[in-house]
Amino acid sequence: MRALKIVALTAVCVLGLSVLLSAGQNQFGVADVRNVNFTTPVRIGNVLLPTGNYQVLHTMEGDNHIMVFKPLNQKNAMETKVKCQLVPLETKADKDQKIFVINTAGERELQALTFRGDKAEHRF
């Protein structure tokens, strides 16, 4: 009887742990909500975002992957929606990474965004 209780308790613990580990990511291998900080203004799509902290939401509109940048602690700032493409990574990302190019207007333009622990990179 005691052995049965130990087996049942172990099974419940394993099940609970697996649920916790999978809860952070969606079916695409990326978290639905993250935060990012830009230390200079950044162009994403057709919008120039001011310097600041943003909550980033990964959403779907039909078959399109959409990143929503919501300003944190910025008065009168609007959220920005940008279409992205998910590119699978071979392994989970070990760090956050932002890849920029300088466009013809001299602005930093976001090309890719990767968050630690995700299994895919967001490309714009």
PDB file of N, CA and C in Angstrom:
ATOM      1  N   MET A   1       0.821  -1.193   0.000  1.00  0.00           N
ATOM      2  CA  MET A   1       0.000   0.000   0.000  1.00  0.00           C
ATOM      3  C   MET A   1       0.868   1.261   0.000  1.00  0.00           C
ATOM      4  N   ARG A   2       1.894   1.239   0.815  1.00  0.00           N
ATOM      5  CA  ARG A   2       2.772   2.402   0.889  1.00  0.00           C
ATOM      6  C   ARG A   2       3.493   2.630  -0.438  1.00  0.00           C
ATOM      7  N   ALA A   3       3.919   1.579  -1.101  1.00  0.00           N
ATOM      8  CA  ALA A   3       4.600   1.682  -2.392  1.00  0.00           C
ATOM      9  C   ALA A   3       3.668   2.312  -3.435  1.00  0.00           C
ATOM     10  N   LEU A   4       2.393   1.965  -3.378  1.00  0.00           N
ATOM     11  CA  LEU A   4       1.419   2.537  -4.306  1.00  0.00           C
ATOM     12  C   LEU A   4       1.278   4.041  -4.101  1.00  0.00           C
ATOM     13  N   LYS A   5       1.276   4.484  -2.857  1.00  0.00           N
ATOM     14  CA  LYS A   5       1.192   5.916  -2.569  1.00  0.00           C
ATOM     15  C   LYS A   5       2.425   6.658  -3.091  1.00  0.00           C
ATOM     16  N   ILE A   6       3.595   6.061  -2.946  1.00  0.00           N
ATOM     17  CA  ILE A   6       4.831   6.689  -3.420  1.00  0.00           C
ATOM     18  C   ILE A   6       4.824   6.797  -4.943  1.00  0.00           C
ATOM     19  N   VAL A   7       4.385   5.742  -5.619  1.00  0.00           N
ATOM     20  CA  VAL A   7       4.303   5.768  -7.085  1.00  0.00           C
ATOM     21  C   VAL A   7       3.311   6.829  -7.541  1.00  0.00           C
ATOM     22  N   ALA A   8       2.164   6.915  -6.894  1.00  0.00           N
ATOM     23  CA  ALA A   8       1.149   7.900  -7.266  1.00  0.00           C
ATOM     24  C   ALA A   8       1.660   9.322  -7.039  1.00  0.00           C
ATOM     25  N   LEU A   9       2.313   9.548  -5.908  1.00  0.00           N
ATOM     26  CA  LEU A   9       2.858  10.875  -5.617  1.00  0.00           C
ATOM     27  C   LEU A   9       3.935  11.260  -6.625  1.00  0.00           C
ATOM     28  N   THR A  10       4.791  10.325  -6.987  1.00  0.00           N
ATOM     29  CA  THR A  10       5.836  10.578  -7.982  1.00  0.00           C
ATOM     30  C   THR A  10       5.220  10.920  -9.336  1.00  0.00           C
ATOM     31  N   ALA A  11       4.185  10.185  -9.733  1.00  0.00           N
ATOM     32  CA  ALA A  11       3.518  10.448 -11.007  1.00  0.00           C
ATOM     33  C   ALA A  11       2.899  11.843 -11.026  1.00  0.00           C
ATOM     34  N   VAL A  12       2.265  12.244  -9.926  1.00  0.00           N
ATOM     35  CA  VAL A  12       1.665  13.576  -9.848  1.00  0.00           C
ATOM     36  C   VAL A  12       2.742  14.651  -9.939  1.00  0.00           C
ATOM     37  N   CYS A  13       3.874  14.450  -9.269  1.00  0.00           N
ATOM     38  CA  CYS A  13       4.975  15.424  -9.322  1.00  0.00           C
ATOM     39  C   CYS A  13       5.540  15.557 -10.732  1.00  0.00           C
ATOM     40  N   VAL A  14       5.738  14.438 -11.410  1.00  0.00           N
ATOM     41  CA  VAL A  14       6.260  14.466 -12.780  1.00  0.00           C
ATOM     42  C   VAL A  14       5.274  15.170 -13.708  1.00  0.00           C
ATOM     43  N   LEU A  15       4.008  14.872 -13.574  1.00  0.00           N
ATOM     44  CA  LEU A  15       2.987  15.514 -14.398  1.00  0.00           C
ATOM     45  C   LEU A  15       2.949  17.016 -14.145  1.00  0.00           C
ATOM     46  N   GLY A  16       2.984  17.415 -12.880  1.00  0.00           N
ATOM     47  CA  GLY A  16       2.970  18.845 -12.537  1.00  0.00           C
ATOM     48  C   GLY A  16       4.179  19.571 -13.081  1.00  0.00           C
ATOM     49  N   LEU A  17       5.341  18.959 -12.975  1.00  0.00           N
ATOM     50  CA  LEU A  17       6.567  19.572 -13.500  1.00  0.00           C
ATOM     51  C   LEU A  17       6.514  19.724 -15.009  1.00  0.00           C
ATOM     52  N   SER A  18       6.005  18.723 -15.705  1.00  0.00           N
ATOM     53  CA  SER A  18       5.924  18.823 -17.167  1.00  0.00           C
ATOM     54  C   SER A  18       4.950  19.914 -17.596  1.00  0.00           C
ATOM     55  N   VAL A  19       3.859  20.094 -16.865  1.00  0.00           N
ATOM     56  CA  VAL A  19       2.909  21.170 -17.167  1.00  0.00           C
ATOM     57  C   VAL A  19       3.567  22.528 -16.959  1.00  0.00           C
ATOM     58  N   LEU A  20       4.307  22.697 -15.879  1.00  0.00           N
ATOM     59  CA  LEU A  20       4.988  23.963 -15.609  1.00  0.00           C
ATOM     60  C   LEU A  20       6.034  24.281 -16.676  1.00  0.00           C
ATOM     61  N   LEU A  21       6.772  23.296 -17.111  1.00  0.00           N
ATOM     62  CA  LEU A  21       7.811  23.530 -18.111  1.00  0.00           C
ATOM     63  C   LEU A  21       7.241  23.881 -19.472  1.00  0.00           C
ATOM     64  N   SER A  22       6.086  23.350 -19.813  1.00  0.00           N
ATOM     65  CA  SER A  22       5.514  23.626 -21.128  1.00  0.00           C
ATOM     66  C   SER A  22       4.601  24.843 -21.134  1.00  0.00           C
ATOM     67  N   ALA A  23       4.243  25.386 -19.983  1.00  0.00           N
ATOM     68  CA  ALA A  23       3.277  26.486 -19.898  1.00  0.00           C
ATOM     69  C   ALA A  23       3.805  27.782 -20.480  1.00  0.00           C
ATOM     70  N   GLY A  24       5.110  28.004 -20.518  1.00  0.00           N
ATOM     71  CA  GLY A  24       5.660  29.270 -20.946  1.00  0.00           C
ATOM     72  C   GLY A  24       5.662  29.488 -22.443  1.00  0.00           C
ATOM     73  N   GLN A  25       5.573  28.432 -23.226  1.00  0.00           N
ATOM     74  CA  GLN A  25       5.672  28.582 -24.671  1.00  0.00           C
ATOM     75  C   GLN A  25       4.397  28.097 -25.341  1.00  0.00           C
ATOM     76  N   ASN A  26       4.131  28.670 -26.522  1.00  0.00           N
ATOM     77  CA  ASN A  26       2.980  28.252 -27.297  1.00  0.00           C
ATOM     78  C   ASN A  26       3.402  27.156 -28.278  1.00  0.00           C
ATOM     79  N   GLN A  27       2.526  26.793 -29.192  1.00  0.00           N
ATOM     80  CA  GLN A  27       2.808  25.709 -30.146  1.00  0.00           C
ATOM     81  C   GLN A  27       3.947  26.029 -31.105  1.00  0.00           C
ATOM     82  N   PHE A  28       4.335  27.307 -31.208  1.00  0.00           N
ATOM     83  CA  PHE A  28       5.409  27.707 -32.123  1.00  0.00           C
ATOM     84  C   PHE A  28       6.774  27.721 -31.442  1.00  0.00           C
ATOM     85  N   GLY A  29       6.804  27.425 -30.155  1.00  0.00           N
ATOM     86  CA  GLY A  29       8.065  27.387 -29.423  1.00  0.00           C
ATOM     87  C   GLY A  29       8.537  28.734 -28.923  1.00  0.00           C
ATOM     88  N   VAL A  30       7.638  29.717 -28.873  1.00  0.00           N
ATOM     89  CA  VAL A  30       7.983  31.041 -28.360  1.00  0.00           C
ATOM     90  C   VAL A  30       6.982  31.433 -27.284  1.00  0.00           C
ATOM     91  N   ALA A  31       7.423  32.252 -26.357  1.00  0.00           N
ATOM     92  CA  ALA A  31       6.522  32.729 -25.308  1.00  0.00           C
ATOM     93  C   ALA A  31       5.563  33.759 -25.897  1.00  0.00           C
ATOM     94  N   ASP A  32       4.354  33.783 -25.383  1.00  0.00           N
ATOM     95  CA  ASP A  32       3.358  34.733 -25.880  1.00  0.00           C
ATOM     96  C   ASP A  32       3.622  36.157 -25.416  1.00  0.00           C
ATOM     97  N   VAL A  33       4.274  36.332 -24.258  1.00  0.00           N
ATOM     98  CA  VAL A  33       4.514  37.665 -23.710  1.00  0.00           C
ATOM     99  C   VAL A  33       5.967  37.775 -23.255  1.00  0.00           C
ATOM    100  N   ARG A  34       6.618  38.845 -23.665  1.00  0.00           N
ATOM    101  CA  ARG A  34       8.003  39.142 -23.260  1.00  0.00           C
ATOM    102  C   ARG A  34       8.127  40.638 -23.046  1.00  0.00           C
ATOM    103  N   ASN A  35       9.280  41.075 -22.536  1.00  0.00           N
ATOM    104  CA  ASN A  35       9.584  42.499 -22.400  1.00  0.00           C
ATOM    105  C   ASN A  35      10.895  42.778 -23.119  1.00  0.00           C
ATOM    106  N   VAL A  36      10.994  43.981 -23.689  1.00  0.00           N
ATOM    107  CA  VAL A  36      12.214  44.389 -24.381  1.00  0.00           C
ATOM    108  C   VAL A  36      12.460  45.864 -24.092  1.00  0.00           C
ATOM    109  N   ASN A  37      13.733  46.242 -24.085  1.00  0.00           N
ATOM    110  CA  ASN A  37      14.124  47.631 -23.854  1.00  0.00           C
ATOM    111  C   ASN A  37      14.922  48.117 -25.058  1.00  0.00           C
ATOM    112  N   PHE A  38      14.571  49.284 -25.567  1.00  0.00           N
ATOM    113  CA  PHE A  38      15.328  49.920 -26.644  1.00  0.00           C
ATOM    114  C   PHE A  38      15.974  51.172 -26.073  1.00  0.00           C
ATOM    115  N   THR A  39      17.302  51.263 -26.184  1.00  0.00           N
ATOM    116  CA  THR A  39      18.036  52.397 -25.613  1.00  0.00           C
ATOM    117  C   THR A  39      18.127  53.575 -26.568  1.00  0.00           C
ATOM    118  N   THR A  40      17.717  53.374 -27.811  1.00  0.00           N
ATOM    119  CA  THR A  40      17.632  54.443 -28.806  1.00  0.00           C
ATOM    120  C   THR A  40      16.342  54.224 -29.594  1.00  0.00           C
ATOM    121  N   PRO A  41      15.859  55.230 -30.313  1.00  0.00           N
ATOM    122  CA  PRO A  41      14.680  55.006 -31.154  1.00  0.00           C
ATOM    123  C   PRO A  41      14.949  53.898 -32.179  1.00  0.00           C
ATOM    124  N   VAL A  42      13.915  53.086 -32.459  1.00  0.00           N
ATOM    125  CA  VAL A  42      14.060  51.936 -33.342  1.00  0.00           C
ATOM    126  C   VAL A  42      12.900  51.901 -34.318  1.00  0.00           C
ATOM    127  N   ARG A  43      13.216  51.697 -35.582  1.00  0.00           N
ATOM    128  CA  ARG A  43      12.166  51.513 -36.591  1.00  0.00           C
ATOM    129  C   ARG A  43      11.823  50.036 -36.672  1.00  0.00           C
ATOM    130  N   ILE A  44      10.520  49.762 -36.529  1.00  0.00           N
ATOM    131  CA  ILE A  44      10.009  48.404 -36.691  1.00  0.00           C
ATOM    132  C   ILE A  44       8.862  48.507 -37.682  1.00  0.00           C
ATOM    133  N   GLY A  45       9.034  47.891 -38.831  1.00  0.00           N
ATOM    134  CA  GLY A  45       8.034  48.038 -39.887  1.00  0.00           C
ATOM    135  C   GLY A  45       8.021  49.486 -40.341  1.00  0.00           C
ATOM    136  N   ASN A  46       6.857  50.099 -40.347  1.00  0.00           N
ATOM    137  CA  ASN A  46       6.762  51.495 -40.790  1.00  0.00           C
ATOM    138  C   ASN A  46       6.633  52.471 -39.625  1.00  0.00           C
ATOM    139  N   VAL A  47       6.959  52.020 -38.403  1.00  0.00           N
ATOM    140  CA  VAL A  47       6.813  52.855 -37.211  1.00  0.00           C
ATOM    141  C   VAL A  47       8.170  53.047 -36.535  1.00  0.00           C
ATOM    142  N   LEU A  48       8.442  54.277 -36.119  1.00  0.00           N
ATOM    143  CA  LEU A  48       9.645  54.571 -35.347  1.00  0.00           C
ATOM    144  C   LEU A  48       9.250  54.606 -33.868  1.00  0.00           C
ATOM    145  N   LEU A  49       9.693  53.587 -33.116  1.00  0.00           N
ATOM    146  CA  LEU A  49       9.384  53.515 -31.688  1.00  0.00           C
ATOM    147  C   LEU A  49      10.381  54.355 -30.904  1.00  0.00           C
ATOM    148  N   PRO A  50       9.900  55.134 -29.948  1.00  0.00           N
ATOM    149  CA  PRO A  50      10.824  55.901 -29.110  1.00  0.00           C
ATOM    150  C   PRO A  50      11.580  54.989 -28.143  1.00  0.00           C
ATOM    151  N   THR A  51      12.661  55.515 -27.608  1.00  0.00           N
ATOM    152  CA  THR A  51      13.426  54.813 -26.586  1.00  0.00           C
ATOM    153  C   THR A  51      12.497  54.413 -25.451  1.00  0.00           C
ATOM    154  N   GLY A  52      12.689  53.214 -24.898  1.00  0.00           N
ATOM    155  CA  GLY A  52      11.876  52.826 -23.753  1.00  0.00           C
ATOM    156  C   GLY A  52      11.704  51.338 -23.613  1.00  0.00           C
ATOM    157  N   ASN A  53      10.886  50.984 -22.625  1.00  0.00           N
ATOM    158  CA  ASN A  53      10.559  49.593 -22.333  1.00  0.00           C
ATOM    159  C   ASN A  53       9.226  49.244 -22.965  1.00  0.00           C
ATOM    160  N   TYR A  54       9.147  48.009 -23.504  1.00  0.00           N
ATOM    161  CA  TYR A  54       7.939  47.557 -24.183  1.00  0.00           C
ATOM    162  C   TYR A  54       7.592  46.143 -23.754  1.00  0.00           C
ATOM    163  N   GLN A  55       6.294  45.903 -23.636  1.00  0.00           N
ATOM    164  CA  GLN A  55       5.813  44.541 -23.505  1.00  0.00           C
ATOM    165  C   GLN A  55       5.559  44.063 -24.928  1.00  0.00           C
ATOM    166  N   VAL A  56       6.052  42.873 -25.256  1.00  0.00           N
ATOM    167  CA  VAL A  56       5.918  42.339 -26.607  1.00  0.00           C
ATOM    168  C   VAL A  56       5.016  41.120 -26.551  1.00  0.00           C
ATOM    169  N   LEU A  57       3.940  41.158 -27.321  1.00  0.00           N
ATOM    170  CA  LEU A  57       2.987  40.058 -27.384  1.00  0.00           C
ATOM    171  C   LEU A  57       3.091  39.380 -28.745  1.00  0.00           C
ATOM    172  N   HIS A  58       3.186  38.067 -28.741  1.00  0.00           N
ATOM    173  CA  HIS A  58       3.165  37.316 -29.992  1.00  0.00           C
ATOM    174  C   HIS A  58       1.736  36.847 -30.196  1.00  0.00           C
ATOM    175  N   THR A  59       1.097  37.280 -31.284  1.00  0.00           N
ATOM    176  CA  THR A  59      -0.293  36.920 -31.554  1.00  0.00           C
ATOM    177  C   THR A  59      -0.400  36.396 -32.978  1.00  0.00           C
ATOM    178  N   MET A  60      -1.574  35.915 -33.303  1.00  0.00           N
ATOM    179  CA  MET A  60      -1.855  35.437 -34.653  1.00  0.00           C
ATOM    180  C   MET A  60      -3.055  36.196 -35.200  1.00  0.00           C
ATOM    181  N   GLU A  61      -2.977  36.559 -36.474  1.00  0.00           N
ATOM    182  CA  GLU A  61      -4.123  37.102 -37.209  1.00  0.00           C
ATOM    183  C   GLU A  61      -4.252  36.240 -38.450  1.00  0.00           C
ATOM    184  N   GLY A  62      -5.147  35.260 -38.381  1.00  0.00           N
ATOM    185  CA  GLY A  62      -5.226  34.262 -39.445  1.00  0.00           C
ATOM    186  C   GLY A  62      -3.956  33.423 -39.424  1.00  0.00           C
ATOM    187  N   ASP A  63      -3.263  33.355 -40.562  1.00  0.00           N
ATOM    188  CA  ASP A  63      -1.998  32.620 -40.656  1.00  0.00           C
ATOM    189  C   ASP A  63      -0.794  33.505 -40.393  1.00  0.00           C
ATOM    190  N   ASN A  64      -1.012  34.795 -40.118  1.00  0.00           N
ATOM    191  CA  ASN A  64       0.083  35.742 -39.936  1.00  0.00           C
ATOM    192  C   ASN A  64       0.516  35.839 -38.475  1.00  0.00           C
ATOM    193  N   HIS A  65       1.826  35.791 -38.275  1.00  0.00           N
ATOM    194  CA  HIS A  65       2.400  36.021 -36.950  1.00  0.00           C
ATOM    195  C   HIS A  65       2.535  37.529 -36.772  1.00  0.00           C
ATOM    196  N   ILE A  66       2.047  38.039 -35.655  1.00  0.00           N
ATOM    197  CA  ILE A  66       2.057  39.476 -35.378  1.00  0.00           C
ATOM    198  C   ILE A  66       2.733  39.715 -34.035  1.00  0.00           C
ATOM    199  N   MET A  67       3.644  40.681 -34.006  1.00  0.00           N
ATOM    200  CA  MET A  67       4.252  41.120 -32.752  1.00  0.00           C
ATOM    201  C   MET A  67       3.611  42.457 -32.396  1.00  0.00           C
ATOM    202  N   VAL A  68       3.119  42.566 -31.182  1.00  0.00           N
ATOM    203  CA  VAL A  68       2.504  43.796 -30.689  1.00  0.00           C
ATOM    204  C   VAL A  68       3.445  44.387 -29.640  1.00  0.00           C
ATOM    205  N   PHE A  69       3.909  45.599 -29.890  1.00  0.00           N
ATOM    206  CA  PHE A  69       4.803  46.309 -28.971  1.00  0.00           C
ATOM    207  C   PHE A  69       3.967  47.310 -28.181  1.00  0.00           C
ATOM    208  N   LYS A  70       3.791  47.047 -26.874  1.00  0.00           N
ATOM    209  CA  LYS A  70       3.016  47.926 -26.003  1.00  0.00           C
ATOM    210  C   LYS A  70       3.982  48.704 -25.113  1.00  0.00           C
ATOM    211  N   PRO A  71       3.965  50.028 -25.195  1.00  0.00           N
ATOM    212  CA  PRO A  71       4.871  50.830 -24.364  1.00  0.00           C
ATOM    213  C   PRO A  71       4.554  50.679 -22.883  1.00  0.00           C
ATOM    214  N   LEU A  72       5.592  50.585 -22.089  1.00  0.00           N
ATOM    215  CA  LEU A  72       5.442  50.551 -20.633  1.00  0.00           C
ATOM    216  C   LEU A  72       5.934  51.885 -20.076  1.00  0.00           C
ATOM    217  N   ASN A  73       5.162  52.478 -19.213  1.00  0.00           N
ATOM    218  CA  ASN A  73       5.543  53.737 -18.543  1.00  0.00           C
ATOM    219  C   ASN A  73       5.784  54.895 -19.518  1.00  0.00           C
ATOM    220  N   GLN A  74       5.059  54.938 -20.611  1.00  0.00           N
ATOM    221  CA  GLN A  74       5.170  56.052 -21.560  1.00  0.00           C
ATOM    222  C   GLN A  74       3.777  56.629 -21.767  1.00  0.00           C
ATOM    223  N   LYS A  75       3.632  57.889 -21.447  1.00  0.00           N
ATOM    224  CA  LYS A  75       2.344  58.548 -21.618  1.00  0.00           C
ATOM    225  C   LYS A  75       2.080  58.813 -23.095  1.00  0.00           C
ATOM    226  N   ASN A  76       0.830  58.686 -23.494  1.00  0.00           N
ATOM    227  CA  ASN A  76       0.358  58.988 -24.838  1.00  0.00           C
ATOM    228  C   ASN A  76       1.046  58.169 -25.926  1.00  0.00           C
ATOM    229  N   ALA A  77       1.619  57.028 -25.592  1.00  0.00           N
ATOM    230  CA  ALA A  77       2.272  56.183 -26.592  1.00  0.00           C
ATOM    231  C   ALA A  77       1.290  55.109 -27.058  1.00  0.00           C
ATOM    232  N   MET A  78       1.304  54.854 -28.344  1.00  0.00           N
ATOM    233  CA  MET A  78       0.398  53.881 -28.948  1.00  0.00           C
ATOM    234  C   MET A  78       1.105  52.539 -29.109  1.00  0.00           C
ATOM    235  N   GLU A  79       0.334  51.452 -29.063  1.00  0.00           N
ATOM    236  CA  GLU A  79       0.921  50.156 -29.339  1.00  0.00           C
ATOM    237  C   GLU A  79       1.138  50.008 -30.834  1.00  0.00           C
ATOM    238  N   THR A  80       2.126  49.203 -31.199  1.00  0.00           N
ATOM    239  CA  THR A  80       2.497  49.009 -32.598  1.00  0.00           C
ATOM    240  C   THR A  80       2.395  47.539 -32.948  1.00  0.00           C
ATOM    241  N   LYS A  81       1.736  47.232 -34.061  1.00  0.00           N
ATOM    242  CA  LYS A  81       1.626  45.852 -34.547  1.00  0.00           C
ATOM    243  C   LYS A  81       2.491  45.704 -35.790  1.00  0.00           C
ATOM    244  N   VAL A  82       3.298  44.638 -35.791  1.00  0.00           N
ATOM    245  CA  VAL A  82       4.201  44.386 -36.911  1.00  0.00           C
ATOM    246  C   VAL A  82       4.139  42.904 -37.262  1.00  0.00           C
ATOM    247  N   LYS A  83       4.026  42.612 -38.537  1.00  0.00           N
ATOM    248  CA  LYS A  83       4.040  41.232 -39.011  1.00  0.00           C
ATOM    249  C   LYS A  83       5.465  40.694 -38.889  1.00  0.00           C
ATOM    250  N   CYS A  84       5.583  39.443 -38.449  1.00  0.00           N
ATOM    251  CA  CYS A  84       6.904  38.830 -38.350  1.00  0.00           C
ATOM    252  C   CYS A  84       6.865  37.428 -38.939  1.00  0.00           C
ATOM    253  N   GLN A  85       8.044  36.906 -39.157  1.00  0.00           N
ATOM    254  CA  GLN A  85       8.191  35.530 -39.622  1.00  0.00           C
ATOM    255  C   GLN A  85       8.963  34.776 -38.548  1.00  0.00           C
ATOM    256  N   LEU A  86       8.475  33.617 -38.159  1.00  0.00           N
ATOM    257  CA  LEU A  86       9.182  32.800 -37.182  1.00  0.00           C
ATOM    258  C   LEU A  86      10.149  31.882 -37.913  1.00  0.00           C
ATOM    259  N   VAL A  87      11.412  31.920 -37.493  1.00  0.00           N
ATOM    260  CA  VAL A  87      12.445  31.055 -38.058  1.00  0.00           C
ATOM    261  C   VAL A  87      12.902  30.119 -36.949  1.00  0.00           C
ATOM    262  N   PRO A  88      12.664  28.808 -37.109  1.00  0.00           N
ATOM    263  CA  PRO A  88      13.049  27.855 -36.062  1.00  0.00           C
ATOM    264  C   PRO A  88      14.549  27.872 -35.792  1.00  0.00           C
ATOM    265  N   LEU A  89      14.907  27.706 -34.523  1.00  0.00           N
ATOM    266  CA  LEU A  89      16.300  27.603 -34.105  1.00  0.00           C
ATOM    267  C   LEU A  89      16.630  26.135 -33.856  1.00  0.00           C
ATOM    268  N   GLU A  90      17.901  25.770 -34.005  1.00  0.00           N
ATOM    269  CA  GLU A  90      18.306  24.383 -33.771  1.00  0.00           C
ATOM    270  C   GLU A  90      18.161  23.991 -32.309  1.00  0.00           C
ATOM    271  N   THR A  91      18.453  24.942 -31.413  1.00  0.00           N
ATOM    272  CA  THR A  91      18.307  24.722 -29.976  1.00  0.00           C
ATOM    273  C   THR A  91      17.642  25.952 -29.377  1.00  0.00           C
ATOM    274  N   LYS A  92      17.201  25.838 -28.132  1.00  0.00           N
ATOM    275  CA  LYS A  92      16.619  26.993 -27.452  1.00  0.00           C
ATOM    276  C   LYS A  92      17.646  28.110 -27.378  1.00  0.00           C
ATOM    277  N   ALA A  93      17.189  29.346 -27.568  1.00  0.00           N
ATOM    278  CA  ALA A  93      18.086  30.505 -27.495  1.00  0.00           C
ATOM    279  C   ALA A  93      18.638  30.630 -26.080  1.00  0.00           C
ATOM    280  N   ASP A  94      19.958  30.832 -25.969  1.00  0.00           N
ATOM    281  CA  ASP A  94      20.573  30.945 -24.650  1.00  0.00           C
ATOM    282  C   ASP A  94      20.648  32.381 -24.142  1.00  0.00           C
ATOM    283  N   LYS A  95      20.242  33.357 -24.998  1.00  0.00           N
ATOM    284  CA  LYS A  95      20.248  34.758 -24.578  1.00  0.00           C
ATOM    285  C   LYS A  95      19.273  35.560 -25.438  1.00  0.00           C
ATOM    286  N   ASP A  96      18.898  36.728 -24.936  1.00  0.00           N
ATOM    287  CA  ASP A  96      18.109  37.662 -25.733  1.00  0.00           C
ATOM    288  C   ASP A  96      19.015  38.288 -26.775  1.00  0.00           C
ATOM    289  N   GLN A  97      18.473  38.547 -27.969  1.00  0.00           N
ATOM    290  CA  GLN A  97      19.281  39.165 -29.014  1.00  0.00           C
ATOM    291  C   GLN A  97      18.398  40.048 -29.895  1.00  0.00           C
ATOM    292  N   LYS A  98      18.917  41.239 -30.204  1.00  0.00           N
ATOM    293  CA  LYS A  98      18.264  42.176 -31.116  1.00  0.00           C
ATOM    294  C   LYS A  98      19.237  42.434 -32.261  1.00  0.00           C
ATOM    295  N   ILE A  99      18.785  42.278 -33.494  1.00  0.00           N
ATOM    296  CA  ILE A  99      19.638  42.522 -34.657  1.00  0.00           C
ATOM    297  C   ILE A  99      19.076  43.722 -35.413  1.00  0.00           C
ATOM    298  N   PHE A 100      19.940  44.707 -35.621  1.00  0.00           N
ATOM    299  CA  PHE A 100      19.550  45.946 -36.293  1.00  0.00           C
ATOM    300  C   PHE A 100      20.376  46.159 -37.556  1.00  0.00           C
ATOM    301  N   VAL A 101      19.831  46.967 -38.456  1.00  0.00           N
ATOM    302  CA  VAL A 101      20.599  47.543 -39.557  1.00  0.00           C
ATOM    303  C   VAL A 101      20.348  49.038 -39.502  1.00  0.00           C
ATOM    304  N   ILE A 102      21.238  49.798 -40.105  1.00  0.00           N
ATOM    305  CA  ILE A 102      21.022  51.241 -40.239  1.00  0.00           C
ATOM    306  C   ILE A 102      20.420  51.465 -41.624  1.00  0.00           C
ATOM    307  N   ASN A 103      19.219  52.046 -41.666  1.00  0.00           N
ATOM    308  CA  ASN A 103      18.556  52.258 -42.954  1.00  0.00           C
ATOM    309  C   ASN A 103      19.059  53.537 -43.620  1.00  0.00           C
ATOM    310  N   THR A 104      18.528  53.851 -44.796  1.00  0.00           N
ATOM    311  CA  THR A 104      18.993  55.014 -45.562  1.00  0.00           C
ATOM    312  C   THR A 104      18.723  56.337 -44.859  1.00  0.00           C
ATOM    313  N   ALA A 105      17.768  56.347 -43.920  1.00  0.00           N
ATOM    314  CA  ALA A 105      17.474  57.561 -43.147  1.00  0.00           C
ATOM    315  C   ALA A 105      18.374  57.671 -41.916  1.00  0.00           C
ATOM    316  N   GLY A 106      19.277  56.712 -41.734  1.00  0.00           N
ATOM    317  CA  GLY A 106      20.178  56.734 -40.588  1.00  0.00           C
ATOM    318  C   GLY A 106      19.545  56.220 -39.298  1.00  0.00           C
ATOM    319  N   GLU A 107      18.408  55.550 -39.407  1.00  0.00           N
ATOM    320  CA  GLU A 107      17.699  55.028 -38.239  1.00  0.00           C
ATOM    321  C   GLU A 107      18.099  53.572 -37.990  1.00  0.00           C
ATOM    322  N   ARG A 108      18.070  53.178 -36.726  1.00  0.00           N
ATOM    323  CA  ARG A 108      18.249  51.760 -36.400  1.00  0.00           C
ATOM    324  C   ARG A 108      16.945  51.048 -36.721  1.00  0.00           C
ATOM    325  N   GLU A 109      17.035  50.027 -37.558  1.00  0.00           N
ATOM    326  CA  GLU A 109      15.855  49.278 -37.972  1.00  0.00           C
ATOM    327  C   GLU A 109      15.981  47.839 -37.479  1.00  0.00           C
ATOM    328  N   LEU A 110      14.975  47.383 -36.717  1.00  0.00           N
ATOM    329  CA  LEU A 110      15.002  46.038 -36.157  1.00  0.00           C
ATOM    330  C   LEU A 110      14.775  45.015 -37.259  1.00  0.00           C
ATOM    331  N   GLN A 111      15.707  44.072 -37.379  1.00  0.00           N
ATOM    332  CA  GLN A 111      15.605  42.999 -38.374  1.00  0.00           C
ATOM    333  C   GLN A 111      15.165  41.682 -37.747  1.00  0.00           C
ATOM    334  N   ALA A 112      15.640  41.414 -36.520  1.00  0.00           N
ATOM    335  CA  ALA A 112      15.323  40.144 -35.859  1.00  0.00           C
ATOM    336  C   ALA A 112      15.343  40.329 -34.355  1.00  0.00           C
ATOM    337  N   LEU A 113      14.553  39.518 -33.688  1.00  0.00           N
ATOM    338  CA  LEU A 113      14.427  39.571 -32.234  1.00  0.00           C
ATOM    339  C   LEU A 113      14.331  38.136 -31.722  1.00  0.00           C
ATOM    340  N   THR A 114      15.213  37.793 -30.795  1.00  0.00           N
ATOM    341  CA  THR A 114      15.223  36.456 -30.205  1.00  0.00           C
ATOM    342  C   THR A 114      15.195  36.612 -28.694  1.00  0.00           C
ATOM    343  N   PHE A 115      14.391  35.793 -28.047  1.00  0.00           N
ATOM    344  CA  PHE A 115      14.291  35.822 -26.596  1.00  0.00           C
ATOM    345  C   PHE A 115      14.845  34.531 -26.013  1.00  0.00           C
ATOM    346  N   ARG A 116      15.567  34.665 -24.911  1.00  0.00           N
ATOM    347  CA  ARG A 116      16.169  33.518 -24.237  1.00  0.00           C
ATOM    348  C   ARG A 116      15.099  32.471 -23.930  1.00  0.00           C
ATOM    349  N   GLY A 117      15.397  31.225 -24.263  1.00  0.00           N
ATOM    350  CA  GLY A 117      14.482  30.119 -23.986  1.00  0.00           C
ATOM    351  C   GLY A 117      13.535  29.792 -25.115  1.00  0.00           C
ATOM    352  N   ASP A 118      13.400  30.687 -26.092  1.00  0.00           N
ATOM    353  CA  ASP A 118      12.511  30.430 -27.229  1.00  0.00           C
ATOM    354  C   ASP A 118      13.176  29.478 -28.220  1.00  0.00           C
ATOM    355  N   LYS A 119      12.358  28.825 -29.021  1.00  0.00           N
ATOM    356  CA  LYS A 119      12.842  27.878 -30.021  1.00  0.00           C
ATOM    357  C   LYS A 119      12.770  28.456 -31.438  1.00  0.00           C
ATOM    358  N   ALA A 120      12.462  29.755 -31.541  1.00  0.00           N
ATOM    359  CA  ALA A 120      12.378  30.405 -32.848  1.00  0.00           C
ATOM    360  C   ALA A 120      12.767  31.871 -32.722  1.00  0.00           C
ATOM    361  N   GLU A 121      13.214  32.433 -33.859  1.00  0.00           N
ATOM    362  CA  GLU A 121      13.594  33.843 -33.950  1.00  0.00           C
ATOM    363  C   GLU A 121      12.503  34.586 -34.703  1.00  0.00           C
ATOM    364  N   HIS A 122      12.202  35.810 -34.276  1.00  0.00           N
ATOM    365  CA  HIS A 122      11.219  36.657 -34.955  1.00  0.00           C
ATOM    366  C   HIS A 122      11.977  37.530 -35.967  1.00  0.00           C
ATOM    367  N   ARG A 123      11.627  37.446 -37.239  1.00  0.00           N
ATOM    368  CA  ARG A 123      12.253  38.290 -38.259  1.00  0.00           C
ATOM    369  C   ARG A 123      11.219  39.238 -38.840  1.00  0.00           C
ATOM    370  N   PHE A 124      11.655  40.473 -39.047  1.00  0.00           N
ATOM    371  CA  PHE A 124      10.751  41.518 -39.539  1.00  0.00           C
ATOM    372  C   PHE A 124      11.104  41.928 -40.950  1.00  0.00           C
TER     373      PHE A 124
END
